[in-house]
Protein backbone atom coordinates (compact mmCIF):
# COMPACT_ATOMS: atom_id res chain seq x y z
CA UNK A 1 -11.92 3.46 -4.10
CA UNK A 2 -14.83 1.22 -5.04
CA UNK A 3 -16.93 4.21 -6.07
CA UNK A 4 -14.19 5.52 -8.36
CA UNK A 5 -13.87 2.12 -10.05
CA UNK A 6 -17.62 1.85 -10.61
CA UNK A 7 -17.80 5.32 -12.13
CA UNK A 8 -15.08 4.82 -14.71
CA UNK A 9 -15.07 1.09 -15.50
CA UNK A 10 -17.56 -0.70 -17.73
CA UNK A 11 -17.69 -4.34 -18.75
CA UNK A 12 -14.66 -5.15 -20.90
CA UNK A 13 -12.55 -2.20 -19.77
CA UNK A 14 -9.11 -2.69 -18.26
CA UNK A 15 -6.91 -1.19 -15.59
CA UNK A 16 -3.16 -1.55 -15.18
CA UNK A 17 -1.57 -2.38 -11.86
CA UNK A 18 1.94 -3.40 -10.90
CA UNK A 19 2.28 -6.55 -8.79
CA UNK A 20 3.24 -7.36 -6.22
CA UNK A 21 0.81 -4.80 -4.86
CA UNK A 22 -2.47 -4.43 -2.95
CA UNK A 23 -4.79 -7.27 -3.98
CA UNK A 24 -8.04 -5.28 -3.56
CA UNK A 25 -7.45 -3.47 -6.87
CA UNK A 26 -8.05 -6.76 -8.67
CA UNK A 27 -11.10 -7.69 -6.61
CA UNK A 28 -12.90 -4.39 -7.21
CA UNK A 29 -12.04 -4.44 -10.91
CA UNK A 30 -13.54 -7.91 -11.29
CA UNK A 31 -16.76 -6.77 -9.60
CA UNK A 32 -17.04 -4.08 -12.28
CA UNK A 33 -16.82 -6.67 -15.05
CA UNK A 34 -13.46 -5.25 -16.10
CA UNK A 35 -10.01 -6.83 -16.35
CA UNK A 36 -6.61 -6.25 -14.78
CA UNK A 37 -3.52 -5.98 -16.96
CA UNK A 38 -0.58 -6.80 -14.72
CA UNK A 39 2.79 -5.19 -15.42
CA UNK A 40 5.18 -6.72 -12.88
CA UNK A 41 7.59 -4.50 -11.03
CA UNK A 42 11.30 -4.61 -11.73
CA UNK A 43 13.78 -6.69 -9.72
CA UNK A 44 14.10 -3.68 -7.38
CA UNK A 45 10.30 -3.42 -7.09
CA UNK A 46 10.20 -0.19 -9.07
CA UNK A 47 7.35 0.59 -11.47
CA UNK A 48 8.15 -0.54 -15.02
CA UNK A 49 7.03 2.56 -16.90
CA UNK A 50 8.03 1.24 -20.31
CA UNK A 51 6.16 -1.98 -19.64
CA UNK A 52 3.04 -0.02 -18.68
CA UNK A 53 3.21 2.08 -21.85
CA UNK A 54 3.48 -1.08 -23.94
CA UNK A 55 0.54 -2.70 -22.13
CA UNK A 56 -1.90 0.17 -22.76
CA UNK A 57 -4.92 -0.61 -24.91
CA UNK A 58 -7.87 1.54 -26.03
CA UNK A 59 -9.88 -0.16 -23.25
CA UNK A 60 -7.43 0.88 -20.51
CA UNK A 61 -9.18 3.46 -18.34
CA UNK A 62 -6.95 3.66 -15.25
CA UNK A 63 -3.38 3.08 -14.09
CA UNK A 64 -3.15 2.19 -10.40
CA UNK A 65 -0.05 2.90 -8.32
CA UNK A 66 0.45 2.30 -4.60
CA UNK A 67 3.00 4.61 -2.97
CA UNK A 68 4.57 3.51 -0.70
CA UNK A 69 3.68 0.18 -2.24
CA UNK A 70 1.94 -2.49 -0.21
CA UNK A 71 3.63 -4.88 0.49
CA UNK A 72 7.13 -3.87 -0.71
CA UNK A 73 7.18 -0.49 1.05
CA UNK A 74 8.96 1.53 -1.65
CA UNK A 75 7.50 4.79 -3.02
CA UNK A 76 6.86 5.62 -6.67
CA UNK A 77 9.09 8.34 -8.07
CA UNK A 78 7.56 11.61 -9.22
CA UNK A 79 9.22 11.15 -12.62
CA UNK A 80 7.34 7.87 -13.10
CA UNK A 81 4.01 9.42 -12.09
CA UNK A 82 4.53 12.33 -14.49
CA UNK A 83 5.42 9.99 -17.33
CA UNK A 84 2.23 8.00 -16.80
CA UNK A 85 0.08 11.11 -16.53
CA UNK A 86 1.18 11.95 -20.06
CA UNK A 87 -0.74 8.91 -21.33
CA UNK A 88 -4.00 10.75 -20.63
CA UNK A 89 -5.35 7.81 -18.64
CA UNK A 90 -6.62 8.38 -15.12
CA UNK A 91 -3.68 7.72 -12.81
CA UNK A 92 -4.71 6.69 -9.29
CA UNK A 93 -2.05 6.91 -6.59
CA UNK A 94 -3.03 5.04 -3.43
CA UNK A 95 -1.18 6.80 -0.59
CA UNK A 96 -2.47 4.75 2.33
CA UNK A 97 0.99 4.69 3.93
CA UNK A 98 2.39 8.03 2.76
CA UNK A 99 2.55 9.57 6.25
CA UNK A 100 5.29 7.06 7.16
CA UNK A 101 7.40 7.97 4.13
CA UNK A 102 10.24 10.41 3.55
CA UNK A 103 7.78 12.59 1.61
CA UNK A 104 4.56 12.60 3.65
CA UNK A 105 3.01 15.17 1.34
CA UNK A 106 3.03 12.60 -1.43
CA UNK A 107 1.69 13.72 -4.79
CA UNK A 108 -1.07 15.98 -3.48
CA UNK A 109 0.68 19.02 -4.97
CA UNK A 110 0.18 17.66 -8.49
CA UNK A 111 -3.59 17.22 -8.37
CA UNK A 112 -4.33 20.85 -9.25
CA UNK A 113 -1.95 20.61 -12.21
CA UNK A 114 -3.27 17.41 -13.82
CA UNK A 115 -6.88 16.70 -14.70
CA UNK A 116 -6.25 12.93 -14.74
CA UNK A 117 -4.57 12.46 -11.34
CA UNK A 118 -6.36 11.03 -8.30
CA UNK A 119 -4.70 10.64 -4.90
CA UNK A 120 -6.35 8.38 -2.32
CA UNK A 121 -5.66 8.62 1.43
CA UNK A 122 -6.92 6.91 4.57
CA UNK A 123 -7.05 7.42 8.33
CA UNK A 124 -6.61 3.66 8.82
CA UNK A 125 -2.83 3.52 9.14
CA UNK A 126 -1.25 6.73 10.45
CA UNK A 127 -4.24 7.60 12.66
CA UNK A 128 -5.02 4.04 13.73
CA UNK A 129 -8.68 4.18 12.66
CA UNK A 130 -8.71 1.05 10.49
CA UNK A 131 -11.89 -0.40 11.99
CA UNK A 132 -13.84 2.81 11.36
CA UNK A 133 -13.30 2.77 7.57
CA UNK A 134 -12.72 6.43 6.87
CA UNK A 135 -10.62 7.86 4.07
CA UNK A 136 -10.59 10.66 1.53
CA UNK A 137 -9.42 11.50 -1.95
CA UNK A 138 -7.91 14.42 -3.80
CA UNK A 139 -9.61 14.74 -7.18
CA UNK A 140 -9.71 17.09 -10.14
CA UNK A 141 -12.98 19.02 -10.02
CA UNK A 142 -14.56 17.14 -12.92
CA UNK A 143 -13.97 13.76 -11.24
CA UNK A 144 -15.11 15.12 -7.87
CA UNK A 145 -18.39 16.17 -9.45
CA UNK A 146 -19.04 12.61 -10.66
CA UNK A 147 -18.11 11.24 -7.24
CA UNK A 148 -20.65 13.49 -5.50
CA UNK A 149 -23.39 12.47 -7.94
CA UNK A 150 -22.72 8.75 -7.57
CA UNK A 151 -22.00 8.34 -3.87
CA UNK A 152 -24.55 7.13 -1.35
CA UNK A 153 -25.58 9.60 1.37
CA UNK A 154 -24.34 7.25 4.12
CA UNK A 155 -20.75 6.60 2.98
CA UNK A 156 -19.13 7.50 6.35
CA UNK A 157 -20.46 6.22 9.67
CA UNK A 158 -20.88 8.64 12.57
CA UNK A 159 -18.17 7.02 14.69
CA UNK A 160 -15.64 7.34 11.88
CA UNK A 161 -16.67 10.94 11.25
CA UNK A 162 -16.17 11.89 14.90
CA UNK A 163 -12.88 10.00 15.16
CA UNK A 164 -11.47 11.75 12.09
CA UNK A 165 -12.41 15.20 13.42
CA UNK A 166 -10.87 14.47 16.81
CA UNK A 167 -7.71 13.16 15.12
CA UNK A 168 -7.32 16.39 13.18
CA UNK A 169 -7.69 18.37 16.42
CA UNK A 170 -4.62 16.67 17.90
CA UNK A 171 -2.23 16.20 15.00
CA UNK A 172 0.86 16.75 17.14
CA UNK A 173 0.06 13.67 19.20
CA UNK A 174 -0.92 11.45 16.27
CA UNK A 175 2.03 12.46 14.10
CA UNK A 176 4.26 11.92 17.13
CA UNK A 177 3.12 8.30 17.06
CA UNK A 178 3.94 8.14 13.36
CA UNK A 179 7.49 9.32 14.10
CA UNK A 180 7.82 6.60 16.75
CA UNK A 181 6.81 3.98 14.19
CA UNK A 182 9.34 5.31 11.69
CA UNK A 183 12.12 5.11 14.30
CA UNK A 184 11.13 1.60 15.34
CA UNK A 185 11.01 0.56 11.68
CA UNK A 186 14.80 0.86 11.57
CA UNK A 187 15.04 -1.45 14.58
CA UNK A 188 12.74 -4.03 12.93
CA UNK A 189 14.80 -3.87 9.73
CA UNK A 190 18.01 -4.53 11.67
CA UNK A 191 16.42 -7.50 13.45
CA UNK A 192 15.29 -9.04 10.19
CA UNK A 193 18.61 -8.37 8.45
CA UNK A 194 20.49 -10.06 11.31
CA UNK A 195 18.86 -13.40 10.50
CA UNK A 196 20.89 -15.44 7.97
CA UNK A 197 17.74 -16.71 6.26
CA UNK A 198 15.98 -13.35 5.75
CA UNK A 199 16.49 -10.51 3.26
CA UNK A 200 14.36 -7.51 4.27
CA UNK A 201 13.45 -4.80 1.77
CA UNK A 202 13.90 -1.17 2.87
CA UNK A 203 10.44 0.26 3.51
CA UNK A 204 8.75 3.62 3.83
CA UNK A 205 5.54 2.11 5.17
CA UNK A 206 4.67 0.91 8.66
CA UNK A 207 5.73 -2.61 7.71
CA UNK A 208 8.71 -4.43 6.22
CA UNK A 209 8.64 -7.21 3.64
CA UNK A 210 11.32 -9.87 3.92
CA UNK A 211 12.34 -12.73 1.65
CA UNK A 212 13.06 -16.15 3.14
CA UNK A 213 16.19 -16.64 1.07
CA UNK A 214 17.94 -19.61 2.69
CA UNK A 215 17.28 -22.90 0.90
CA UNK A 216 17.51 -24.73 4.22
CA UNK A 217 14.62 -22.74 5.72
CA UNK A 218 11.04 -22.96 4.49
CA UNK A 219 8.46 -20.23 5.02
CA UNK A 220 6.26 -22.82 6.75
CA UNK A 221 9.02 -23.44 9.30
CA UNK A 222 9.29 -19.73 10.03
CA UNK A 223 5.55 -19.37 10.43
CA UNK A 224 5.25 -22.39 12.74
CA UNK A 225 8.04 -21.15 15.00
CA UNK A 226 6.71 -17.60 15.23
CA UNK A 227 3.13 -18.64 15.88
CA UNK A 228 4.33 -21.04 18.60
CA UNK A 229 5.80 -17.94 20.23
CA UNK A 230 2.57 -15.93 19.88
CA UNK A 231 3.61 -13.85 16.87
CA UNK A 232 1.39 -13.44 13.79
CA UNK A 233 2.83 -12.06 10.56
CA UNK A 234 1.41 -11.57 7.08
CA UNK A 235 2.05 -14.38 4.60
CA UNK A 236 1.08 -14.59 0.95
CA UNK A 237 -0.33 -17.06 -1.58
CA UNK A 238 0.53 -14.91 -4.58
CA UNK A 239 3.19 -16.52 -6.83
CA UNK A 240 5.36 -13.40 -6.57
CA UNK A 241 5.38 -13.61 -2.77
CA UNK A 242 5.04 -17.25 -1.75
CA UNK A 243 8.36 -17.18 0.14
CA UNK A 244 7.97 -13.71 1.67
CA UNK A 245 6.65 -12.49 4.99
CA UNK A 246 5.58 -9.01 6.09
CA UNK A 247 6.14 -7.60 9.56
CA UNK A 248 4.06 -4.70 10.89
CA UNK A 249 6.06 -2.29 13.01
CA UNK A 250 4.89 -2.19 16.62
CA UNK A 251 6.35 -1.19 19.95
CA UNK A 252 10.02 -1.80 20.87
CA UNK A 253 9.03 -4.67 23.15
CA UNK A 254 7.22 -6.30 20.21
CA UNK A 255 10.39 -6.08 18.14
CA UNK A 256 12.37 -7.68 20.96
CA UNK A 257 9.93 -10.60 21.10
CA UNK A 258 10.15 -10.95 17.33
CA UNK A 259 13.97 -11.08 17.52
CA UNK A 260 13.84 -13.81 20.15
CA UNK A 261 11.41 -15.91 18.10
CA UNK A 262 13.29 -15.50 14.83
CA UNK A 263 16.47 -16.69 16.51
CA UNK A 264 14.75 -20.03 17.26
CA UNK A 265 13.94 -20.83 13.61
CA UNK A 266 17.29 -22.43 12.78
CA UNK A 267 17.96 -23.92 16.20
C-alpha cells in the first residue's frame, strides 16, 4: 500500500476516504505530503457516493475503499465501486478481510475491465500470517509496471515468502479455519446483542463492532470489567468511534468467556 501511495501522490495532492475506516490510509498519505478528504459514511455505514463525487477536486488522485470495512465490517456494493470508477480516479479497494465475507472473490473480476481499479489483499487475516507482513495486489498492467520499477528488491522477507507458499499448498485446511470463524461470528454477534447496553453491527469480517448505547454504561466501565477478566478488545479515540468497541472472533471458548465478562458490566 505504501508503495502505491508514494508512486501516485505528490505534495499537495489529495485522496478521499470514508471514515470510520482503517486509520493507516491517513498516516501514509501524510507521509507523502498529501491530504485526506474525509467523506463520512452514512448512518448505516454505507459509502456516500454522492458525497464523494461532490468532494472531488483536480488534486484528488485516489479514492480509497475498505471492503469489508474495518472496523464496521460491511462490504462496499459493486454498484458503488462502478460509480466511483467512472470518475477516472484510481479507486483502491482494500480487501484485507474479503475471505470472511459473503463474496470472497471480492472485486478481483473487475480489474481486467477497468484501468483505474486496484485491489489489495493480505495473508495477515484469513491465513493468520500477520506477523510475517505478506500481501499482494491486483493491478492494471500500467500500474503494475510502475510498481515493479519503484519497489525495493527486498519487499518480502524469506519467512513470509515460505509461509505464503505453504499456505497455498493447503488451502482446504486454511479455508476450513475461515469457515469456522464465520460460524463463530454469528455466536459472537448473538452474545453482544444479548447485552442491554450493546448494539452490534452485522459484520462480514473476522470482527464485530458494537456501540455502547446505554447512557448508564460508559465505555471505560466496559473496558475495566473486561480487562479485569483477562479480555482485551479494540477501543478507539476517533470521534466517530469513541463509544464503540471491536471484538475479534476467536474460538467458541473465547466467546463463552466474553459472554461471562460482559454479563458482569451492569452487576
